[in-house]
């Protein structure tokens, strides 16, 4: 089980979420504005958007988990980039298209450059660059 093929984000507003992720650069074959489910193609995985109420029912139809609003759920998503400029560009795109900057990009304790934004559903994304980072032929970060 040493892989993650799909990350599913439960969303409150599919149309708004789909538009946000397309605008910040995620690619999908979906052509509708408000589909029941969306898959974005990534290198090595897929990002899925699915209505949060339906996701809770999918987990347990008889007793779905409680959906909490706001707050921090203890998970972040990350995109590791190849330059400080790419970090700045993604943070600006997120802000321009409905995200909220949670932490402006800055030099951080581990020696890199990092910032955070929240998507329209409250999911936190870190965008980061490290000068010593190496990427493989699929643009995946090499971590030894």
Foldseek 3Di string as FASTA:
>chain_A
DPAAAEAEDAAQAQLLQVQLVVQLPFAFPDDDRGDQKTWTDALRHIYIYHHNVVVQCVVPVVDGDDDDAADDPPDAAEDEDADLVNQQSSLVSQVVSAKAWPAHWDQDDVGWTWTWIAHNRGHIYIYIYHPPWDADPSRHTDDD
